[in-house]
């Protein structure tokens, strides 16, 4: 169908992907109506600061808005915030809102994100929280106070960021991680050990290879039973055990879904009039030779740009280099690439020193770097992003040699 001023594009999901997609549609020349539907009543905002600066009280929701309201109105983007889509009829090209209102579309974008995993035994239990949305953070902040006991279930990015903030706010913090080490899904043992040392140096009690079997209230406190028989008492519990892609609408509408909504390299779903982007999407990666689903701001934004181009008849292949970051205490962990099937790794810096100098771990296959984790090493991170993205040969000897700057990481014809 040729796009015209009468065409309607609905974008479901008002976070990073959805917010950028609607703006990008205008840049790509979409002439018709654009309607952005979001379940939260807030204007779209940055999610990463929620578990860091917002939780710490250093920034407010108004400080982390992705775009001012005027930008949407200036681009004739209709905001339907605080609205939830309950059904999608592909044949009729119509969605129904929880209010009962129906909206028709010519093109549709699913940017539905992901939902936090919950512990069934603690679902809706007072004092037990997940952290995904702004309202979650506000509730947690009300429950926080210096001297209180907090148990964080999950030693991934979110769990450790929350633990860091709570420790700095004077709470007594215990982290419980079911895997053998912290950050096991996303980082190497060297990085895991570094962050364990970092948290323990700030008074956090870290328990690994253990899991929660039951949580209940007793005598005014939360009783957390662990698999090893230990009982922990807490005033509040944060569950940070990952997320699941939000695919309810896609499944109900009969779209292809596996670990996320299945899309082509152009972000097109199994319905040619529907695209998808962000945490909810499983996409084919030519870079890694497999299908992936990634949870990162970079992924959401880059996919949104590609999806907008596809909707406007200007398709491009999505094959961006994944990168991530996490702030804990005064440490910034920056990661580039995925360490899938790496053959060996090289460490730069002292993994036992948590004095702010940081370190970097490079993951290699032959003489090519495929991923890197950098702690307080911004120059190394920027150099690694280029090496990995452009698949350049690496000077292996320079990686661990701190006397050589990151500009020497690339292999040249002349020896360094």
Protein backbone atom coordinates (compact mmCIF):
# COMPACT_ATOMS: atom_id res chain seq x y z
CA UNK A 1 0.00 0.00 0.00
CA UNK A 2 1.31 3.41 -0.91
CA UNK A 3 1.74 5.57 2.14
CA UNK A 4 -0.25 8.84 2.15
CA UNK A 5 -1.49 11.55 4.49
CA UNK A 6 -4.44 9.29 5.34
CA UNK A 7 -2.21 6.36 6.36
CA UNK A 8 -2.06 5.51 10.07
CA UNK A 9 0.92 3.97 11.86
CA UNK A 10 0.32 2.68 15.37
CA UNK A 11 3.34 2.13 17.61
CA UNK A 12 2.64 0.00 20.66
CA UNK A 13 5.15 0.53 23.45
CA UNK A 14 6.48 3.90 24.58
CA UNK A 15 10.00 3.21 25.78
CA UNK A 16 13.34 3.59 23.96
CA UNK A 17 12.37 1.78 20.75
CA UNK A 18 8.86 3.17 20.42
CA UNK A 19 9.82 6.74 21.29
CA UNK A 20 12.61 6.84 18.73
CA UNK A 21 10.62 4.97 16.08
CA UNK A 22 7.85 7.58 15.93
CA UNK A 23 10.33 10.43 15.57
CA UNK A 24 12.34 8.50 12.99
CA UNK A 25 9.17 7.86 10.97
CA UNK A 26 8.80 11.59 10.45
CA UNK A 27 12.47 11.92 9.50
CA UNK A 28 12.03 9.10 6.97
CA UNK A 29 9.07 10.93 5.40
CA UNK A 30 5.96 9.29 6.88
CA UNK A 31 3.17 11.70 5.97
CA UNK A 32 0.18 10.15 7.74
CA UNK A 33 -0.90 9.92 11.35
CA UNK A 34 1.46 8.45 13.94
CA UNK A 35 0.02 7.25 17.23
CA UNK A 36 2.26 6.16 20.11
CA UNK A 37 0.48 3.99 22.68
CA UNK A 38 2.09 3.42 26.09
CA UNK A 39 0.80 1.57 29.13
CA UNK A 40 2.56 3.94 31.53
CA UNK A 41 1.09 7.39 32.11
CA UNK A 42 4.55 9.02 32.07
CA UNK A 43 6.23 10.48 29.00
CA UNK A 44 8.82 8.03 27.61
CA UNK A 45 11.97 8.04 29.75
CA UNK A 46 15.45 6.52 29.97
CA UNK A 47 15.28 3.20 31.82
CA UNK A 48 18.96 2.67 32.79
CA UNK A 49 19.00 5.47 35.41
CA UNK A 50 16.07 3.89 37.27
CA UNK A 51 18.26 1.38 39.09
CA UNK A 52 21.01 3.93 39.64
CA UNK A 53 20.55 7.71 39.85
CA UNK A 54 16.76 7.69 40.25
CA UNK A 55 16.82 4.99 42.93
CA UNK A 56 19.54 6.96 44.73
CA UNK A 57 17.39 10.11 44.64
CA UNK A 58 19.94 11.97 42.53
CA UNK A 59 17.62 12.43 39.55
CA UNK A 60 13.88 12.74 39.12
CA UNK A 61 11.70 11.30 36.39
CA UNK A 62 11.54 14.72 34.75
CA UNK A 63 15.34 14.65 34.47
CA UNK A 64 15.40 11.43 32.45
CA UNK A 65 12.74 12.01 29.80
CA UNK A 66 13.79 10.75 26.40
CA UNK A 67 12.21 13.75 24.67
CA UNK A 68 10.18 16.78 25.76
CA UNK A 69 6.46 16.63 25.11
CA UNK A 70 6.79 19.50 22.64
CA UNK A 71 8.93 17.39 20.32
CA UNK A 72 6.08 14.91 19.86
CA UNK A 73 3.52 17.64 19.26
CA UNK A 74 5.84 19.48 16.84
CA UNK A 75 6.09 16.28 14.80
CA UNK A 76 2.32 15.66 14.92
CA UNK A 77 2.79 12.50 16.96
CA UNK A 78 -0.31 11.59 18.94
CA UNK A 79 0.46 10.29 22.43
CA UNK A 80 -1.92 7.80 24.02
CA UNK A 81 -0.22 7.28 27.38
CA UNK A 82 -1.74 5.28 30.21
CA UNK A 83 -3.49 3.11 27.60
CA UNK A 84 -3.12 -0.64 27.24
CA UNK A 85 -3.70 -2.63 24.07
CA UNK A 86 -5.57 -5.85 24.85
CA UNK A 87 -6.03 -7.38 21.39
CA UNK A 88 -4.70 -7.18 17.85
CA UNK A 89 -6.84 -8.14 14.85
CA UNK A 90 -4.52 -8.45 11.85
CA UNK A 91 -7.28 -9.22 9.37
CA UNK A 92 -9.23 -6.09 10.27
CA UNK A 93 -6.02 -4.11 10.93
CA UNK A 94 -7.35 -2.96 14.26
CA UNK A 95 -6.29 -2.98 17.90
CA UNK A 96 -8.52 -2.72 20.92
CA UNK A 97 -7.62 -0.78 24.05
CA UNK A 98 -8.52 -1.80 27.59
CA UNK A 99 -10.93 1.15 27.60
CA UNK A 100 -12.92 -0.54 24.84
CA UNK A 101 -11.85 1.89 22.14
CA UNK A 102 -10.67 0.43 18.83
CA UNK A 103 -7.96 1.98 16.64
CA UNK A 104 -7.37 1.07 13.00
CA UNK A 105 -3.97 1.07 11.35
CA UNK A 106 -2.25 0.70 8.00
CA UNK A 107 1.13 -0.13 9.52
CA UNK A 108 1.93 -1.31 13.05
CA UNK A 109 5.07 -1.43 15.17
CA UNK A 110 5.37 -3.66 18.22
CA UNK A 111 7.84 -2.21 20.73
CA UNK A 112 6.37 -4.02 23.71
CA UNK A 113 9.66 -4.60 25.55
CA UNK A 114 9.97 -7.15 28.31
CA UNK A 115 8.48 -7.89 31.72
CA UNK A 116 10.42 -8.80 34.87
CA UNK A 117 10.43 -12.39 35.98
CA UNK A 118 8.68 -12.91 39.30
CA UNK A 119 8.98 -15.44 42.10
CA UNK A 120 5.62 -17.25 42.27
CA UNK A 121 5.83 -17.67 46.04
CA UNK A 122 6.37 -13.92 46.50
CA UNK A 123 4.13 -12.45 43.82
CA UNK A 124 2.20 -9.48 45.26
CA UNK A 125 3.77 -10.04 48.69
CA UNK A 126 4.15 -6.68 50.50
CA UNK A 127 7.78 -5.61 50.69
CA UNK A 128 8.83 -7.65 47.63
CA UNK A 129 9.58 -5.59 44.53
CA UNK A 130 10.69 -5.91 40.94
CA UNK A 131 12.31 -2.99 39.15
CA UNK A 132 11.36 -2.23 35.58
CA UNK A 133 9.28 0.93 35.57
CA UNK A 134 9.37 4.36 37.18
CA UNK A 135 6.54 3.49 39.57
CA UNK A 136 8.55 0.48 40.78
CA UNK A 137 11.43 2.75 41.75
CA UNK A 138 9.16 5.17 43.58
CA UNK A 139 7.73 2.29 45.63
CA UNK A 140 11.19 0.94 46.45
CA UNK A 141 12.43 4.38 47.48
CA UNK A 142 9.55 4.71 49.93
CA UNK A 143 10.54 1.38 51.49
CA UNK A 144 14.25 2.22 51.71
CA UNK A 145 15.89 3.70 54.78
CA UNK A 146 19.36 3.60 56.28
CA UNK A 147 19.83 0.60 58.54
CA UNK A 148 17.10 -1.49 56.93
CA UNK A 149 17.86 -5.01 55.77
CA UNK A 150 17.54 -5.67 52.05
CA UNK A 151 17.86 -8.94 50.16
CA UNK A 152 18.48 -8.69 46.42
CA UNK A 153 17.64 -11.86 44.53
CA UNK A 154 19.71 -12.01 41.37
CA UNK A 155 23.31 -11.07 40.69
CA UNK A 156 22.96 -9.65 37.20
CA UNK A 157 23.16 -6.02 36.10
CA UNK A 158 19.94 -4.86 37.76
CA UNK A 159 20.48 -6.73 41.00
CA UNK A 160 24.02 -5.46 41.44
CA UNK A 161 23.14 -1.88 40.53
CA UNK A 162 20.35 -1.91 43.11
CA UNK A 163 22.65 -3.50 45.69
CA UNK A 164 25.25 -0.77 45.10
CA UNK A 165 22.74 2.04 45.56
CA UNK A 166 21.23 0.51 48.69
CA UNK A 167 24.64 -0.12 50.22
CA UNK A 168 25.62 3.50 49.63
CA UNK A 169 22.30 4.58 51.17
CA UNK A 170 23.23 2.75 54.39
CA UNK A 171 21.11 -0.39 54.04
CA UNK A 172 22.36 -3.82 55.06
CA UNK A 173 22.41 -5.68 51.74
CA UNK A 174 22.59 -9.37 50.86
CA UNK A 175 22.73 -10.55 47.24
CA UNK A 176 21.54 -14.09 46.49
CA UNK A 177 22.54 -15.53 43.11
CA UNK A 178 21.57 -19.03 41.97
CA UNK A 179 24.50 -19.36 39.55
CA UNK A 180 28.06 -20.12 40.58
CA UNK A 181 29.11 -16.51 40.14
CA UNK A 182 27.80 -13.00 39.67
CA UNK A 183 27.07 -11.81 36.11
CA UNK A 184 27.54 -15.38 34.91
CA UNK A 185 25.29 -14.97 31.87
CA UNK A 186 27.04 -11.87 30.56
CA UNK A 187 30.65 -11.78 31.77
CA UNK A 188 33.75 -13.90 32.28
CA UNK A 189 34.92 -15.25 35.67
CA UNK A 190 37.52 -12.45 35.86
CA UNK A 191 34.82 -9.78 35.71
CA UNK A 192 32.57 -11.77 38.05
CA UNK A 193 35.30 -12.02 40.66
CA UNK A 194 36.11 -8.32 40.32
CA UNK A 195 32.54 -7.25 41.03
CA UNK A 196 32.20 -9.68 43.89
CA UNK A 197 35.27 -8.12 45.51
CA UNK A 198 33.90 -4.66 44.79
CA UNK A 199 30.54 -5.33 46.45
CA UNK A 200 32.05 -7.13 49.42
CA UNK A 201 34.41 -4.18 49.96
CA UNK A 202 31.28 -2.05 50.38
CA UNK A 203 29.81 -4.40 52.97
CA UNK A 204 27.46 -6.35 50.72
CA UNK A 205 27.00 -10.00 51.66
CA UNK A 206 27.23 -12.00 48.43
CA UNK A 207 25.83 -15.54 48.29
CA UNK A 208 26.27 -17.57 45.10
CA UNK A 209 25.17 -21.10 44.13
CA UNK A 210 22.10 -20.60 46.28
CA UNK A 211 18.46 -19.90 45.56
CA UNK A 212 15.27 -18.86 47.33
CA UNK A 213 12.79 -21.61 48.16
CA UNK A 214 10.23 -19.58 50.08
CA UNK A 215 9.40 -16.04 51.21
CA UNK A 216 6.76 -15.11 53.74
CA UNK A 217 6.00 -12.54 56.43
CA UNK A 218 6.55 -13.45 60.06
CA UNK A 219 6.85 -11.26 63.16
CA UNK A 220 6.99 -8.06 61.13
CA UNK A 221 9.77 -9.14 58.77
CA UNK A 222 10.21 -10.97 55.50
CA UNK A 223 11.55 -14.47 56.02
CA UNK A 224 13.64 -15.66 53.06
CA UNK A 225 14.40 -19.38 53.02
CA UNK A 226 17.39 -20.45 50.94
CA UNK A 227 18.10 -23.82 49.34
CA UNK A 228 21.08 -24.45 51.61
CA UNK A 229 18.82 -24.19 54.66
CA UNK A 230 19.79 -20.63 55.58
CA UNK A 231 17.10 -18.24 56.76
CA UNK A 232 17.49 -14.54 56.01
CA UNK A 233 15.34 -11.80 57.50
CA UNK A 234 14.71 -8.62 55.56
CA UNK A 235 12.65 -5.46 55.55
CA UNK A 236 12.47 -5.45 51.76
CA UNK A 237 13.34 -7.80 48.91
CA UNK A 238 14.23 -6.86 45.33
CA UNK A 239 13.74 -9.57 42.71
CA UNK A 240 16.12 -9.07 39.79
CA UNK A 241 16.15 -12.45 38.06
CA UNK A 242 15.86 -11.29 34.48
CA UNK A 243 13.03 -10.48 32.12
CA UNK A 244 10.83 -12.24 29.57
CA UNK A 245 9.95 -10.69 26.20
CA UNK A 246 6.45 -9.26 26.08
CA UNK A 247 4.92 -11.25 23.21
CA UNK A 248 1.30 -11.58 24.37
CA UNK A 249 -0.18 -9.51 21.54
CA UNK A 250 2.02 -11.14 18.92
CA UNK A 251 1.04 -14.63 20.04
CA UNK A 252 -2.63 -13.77 20.21
CA UNK A 253 -2.43 -12.35 16.68
CA UNK A 254 -0.70 -15.44 15.28
CA UNK A 255 2.67 -13.84 14.52
CA UNK A 256 5.77 -16.03 14.58
CA UNK A 257 7.17 -16.06 18.11
CA UNK A 258 10.09 -18.01 19.58
CA UNK A 259 12.29 -16.33 22.19
CA UNK A 260 10.68 -13.04 21.21
CA UNK A 261 8.77 -11.81 18.18
CA UNK A 262 10.54 -13.26 15.13
CA UNK A 263 11.65 -10.62 12.62
CA UNK A 264 13.68 -10.44 9.42
CA UNK A 265 16.93 -8.45 9.19
CA UNK A 266 14.66 -5.51 8.26
CA UNK A 267 12.67 -5.80 11.52
CA UNK A 268 9.63 -7.10 9.66
CA UNK A 269 7.47 -9.71 11.39
CA UNK A 270 5.66 -12.58 9.67
CA UNK A 271 3.02 -9.97 8.77
CA UNK A 272 4.44 -7.58 6.14
CA UNK A 273 2.51 -4.65 7.63
CA UNK A 274 3.91 -5.15 11.13
CA UNK A 275 7.45 -4.45 12.34
CA UNK A 276 8.92 -4.97 15.81
CA UNK A 277 11.94 -3.63 17.69
CA UNK A 278 13.65 -3.76 21.08
CA UNK A 279 13.74 -6.25 23.94
CA UNK A 280 10.72 -8.13 22.58
CA UNK A 281 12.42 -9.12 19.31
CA UNK A 282 14.35 -12.17 18.13
CA UNK A 283 16.39 -11.26 15.06
CA UNK A 284 18.84 -13.03 12.74
CA UNK A 285 22.39 -11.81 13.29
CA UNK A 286 24.75 -12.15 10.34
CA UNK A 287 27.57 -11.06 12.64
CA UNK A 288 27.09 -14.03 14.97
CA UNK A 289 25.46 -16.48 12.57
CA UNK A 290 22.46 -17.15 14.79
CA UNK A 291 19.22 -15.65 16.03
CA UNK A 292 19.54 -13.37 19.05
CA UNK A 293 17.38 -11.45 21.46
CA UNK A 294 19.19 -8.61 23.22
CA UNK A 295 18.20 -6.41 26.13
CA UNK A 296 19.98 -3.12 25.68
CA UNK A 297 19.32 0.50 24.85
CA UNK A 298 21.68 0.36 21.85
CA UNK A 299 19.79 -2.59 20.40
CA UNK A 300 16.39 -0.94 20.90
CA UNK A 301 17.44 2.35 19.30
CA UNK A 302 19.24 0.85 16.31
CA UNK A 303 16.40 -1.57 15.61
CA UNK A 304 13.87 1.28 15.84
CA UNK A 305 15.74 3.18 13.12
CA UNK A 306 15.73 0.13 10.86
CA UNK A 307 12.04 -0.55 11.56
CA UNK A 308 11.10 3.04 10.69
CA UNK A 309 12.96 2.76 7.40
CA UNK A 310 11.17 -0.47 6.58
CA UNK A 311 7.78 1.11 7.24
CA UNK A 312 8.68 3.99 4.94
CA UNK A 313 9.89 1.75 2.11
CA UNK A 314 13.58 2.34 2.79
CA UNK A 315 14.70 -1.02 4.25
CA UNK A 316 18.17 -1.55 5.67
CA UNK A 317 19.68 -4.64 7.27
CA UNK A 318 20.14 -4.54 11.04
CA UNK A 319 23.60 -5.78 12.01
CA UNK A 320 24.82 -3.33 14.66
CA UNK A 321 27.51 -4.23 17.16
CA UNK A 322 25.91 -4.91 20.55
CA UNK A 323 27.21 -2.91 23.49
CA UNK A 324 26.11 -2.50 27.09
CA UNK A 325 27.04 -0.68 30.28
CA UNK A 326 26.47 -0.83 34.02
CA UNK A 327 27.31 1.68 36.78
CA UNK A 328 28.07 0.31 40.25
CA UNK A 329 29.63 2.54 42.93
CA UNK A 330 32.38 4.46 41.12
CA UNK A 331 32.87 1.73 38.54
CA UNK A 332 31.54 1.81 34.99
CA UNK A 333 31.46 -1.54 33.22
CA UNK A 334 31.29 -1.14 29.44
CA UNK A 335 30.94 -4.19 27.23
CA UNK A 336 31.18 -4.50 23.46
CA UNK A 337 30.27 -7.54 21.42
CA UNK A 338 29.23 -10.99 22.59
CA UNK A 339 31.81 -13.50 23.79
CA UNK A 340 30.13 -16.39 22.00
CA UNK A 341 32.58 -19.24 21.27
CA UNK A 342 35.67 -17.20 22.07
CA UNK A 343 38.89 -19.20 22.04
CA UNK A 344 40.97 -17.29 24.58
CA UNK A 345 41.03 -14.09 26.59
CA UNK A 346 43.59 -11.50 27.60
CA UNK A 347 43.41 -9.40 30.77
CA UNK A 348 44.72 -5.83 30.94
CA UNK A 349 45.08 -4.46 34.45
CA UNK A 350 44.98 -6.04 37.89
CA UNK A 351 41.77 -8.03 38.54
CA UNK A 352 42.43 -7.98 42.29
CA UNK A 353 42.74 -4.19 42.56
CA UNK A 354 39.42 -2.42 43.08
CA UNK A 355 41.07 0.97 43.52
CA UNK A 356 39.49 2.71 40.55
CA UNK A 357 42.19 1.88 38.00
CA UNK A 358 39.92 -0.77 36.57
CA UNK A 359 40.74 -3.46 34.06
CA UNK A 360 39.75 -4.81 30.67
CA UNK A 361 39.17 -8.35 29.47
CA UNK A 362 39.43 -9.04 25.75
CA UNK A 363 37.81 -12.12 24.17
CA UNK A 364 39.42 -13.39 21.00
CA UNK A 365 39.00 -15.90 18.22
CA UNK A 366 42.33 -16.23 16.47
CA UNK A 367 43.72 -12.73 15.93
CA UNK A 368 40.28 -11.13 15.94
CA UNK A 369 38.62 -9.60 19.00
CA UNK A 370 34.96 -10.59 19.27
CA UNK A 371 34.08 -8.98 22.62
CA UNK A 372 35.50 -6.90 25.46
CA UNK A 373 34.56 -5.99 29.04
CA UNK A 374 36.08 -2.73 30.26
CA UNK A 375 35.87 -1.41 33.83
CA UNK A 376 36.78 2.28 34.12
CA UNK A 377 38.66 1.94 30.85
CA UNK A 378 36.85 4.24 28.41
CA UNK A 379 39.76 4.47 25.95
CA UNK A 380 40.07 0.72 25.75
CA UNK A 381 36.32 0.41 25.28
CA UNK A 382 36.23 2.85 22.36
CA UNK A 383 39.19 1.14 20.70
CA UNK A 384 37.60 -2.28 21.16
CA UNK A 385 34.26 -1.19 19.69
CA UNK A 386 36.04 -0.26 16.46
CA UNK A 387 38.19 -3.40 16.34
CA UNK A 388 35.19 -5.66 16.88
CA UNK A 389 32.79 -3.79 14.59
CA UNK A 390 35.25 -3.65 11.70
CA UNK A 391 36.67 -7.13 12.37
CA UNK A 392 40.23 -5.79 12.34
CA UNK A 393 43.31 -7.92 13.17
CA UNK A 394 44.60 -7.31 16.68
CA UNK A 395 48.10 -6.85 18.04
CA UNK A 396 47.81 -9.47 20.79
CA UNK A 397 51.00 -8.37 22.55
CA UNK A 398 49.71 -4.82 22.98
CA UNK A 399 46.48 -5.82 24.70
CA UNK A 400 48.03 -6.73 28.06
CA UNK A 401 50.92 -4.26 27.88
CA UNK A 402 49.86 -1.21 29.88
CA UNK A 403 52.85 0.74 28.55
CA UNK A 404 51.12 0.76 25.16
CA UNK A 405 48.02 2.88 24.66
CA UNK A 406 44.87 1.44 23.07
CA UNK A 407 45.77 3.07 19.75
CA UNK A 408 48.30 0.23 19.38
CA UNK A 409 45.66 -2.50 19.66
CA UNK A 410 45.22 -2.76 15.90
CA UNK A 411 47.72 -5.01 14.14
CA UNK A 412 49.82 -3.05 11.67
CA UNK A 413 52.41 -4.07 9.10
CA UNK A 414 55.20 -2.62 11.21
CA UNK A 415 55.87 -4.19 14.63
CA UNK A 416 55.00 -2.02 17.65
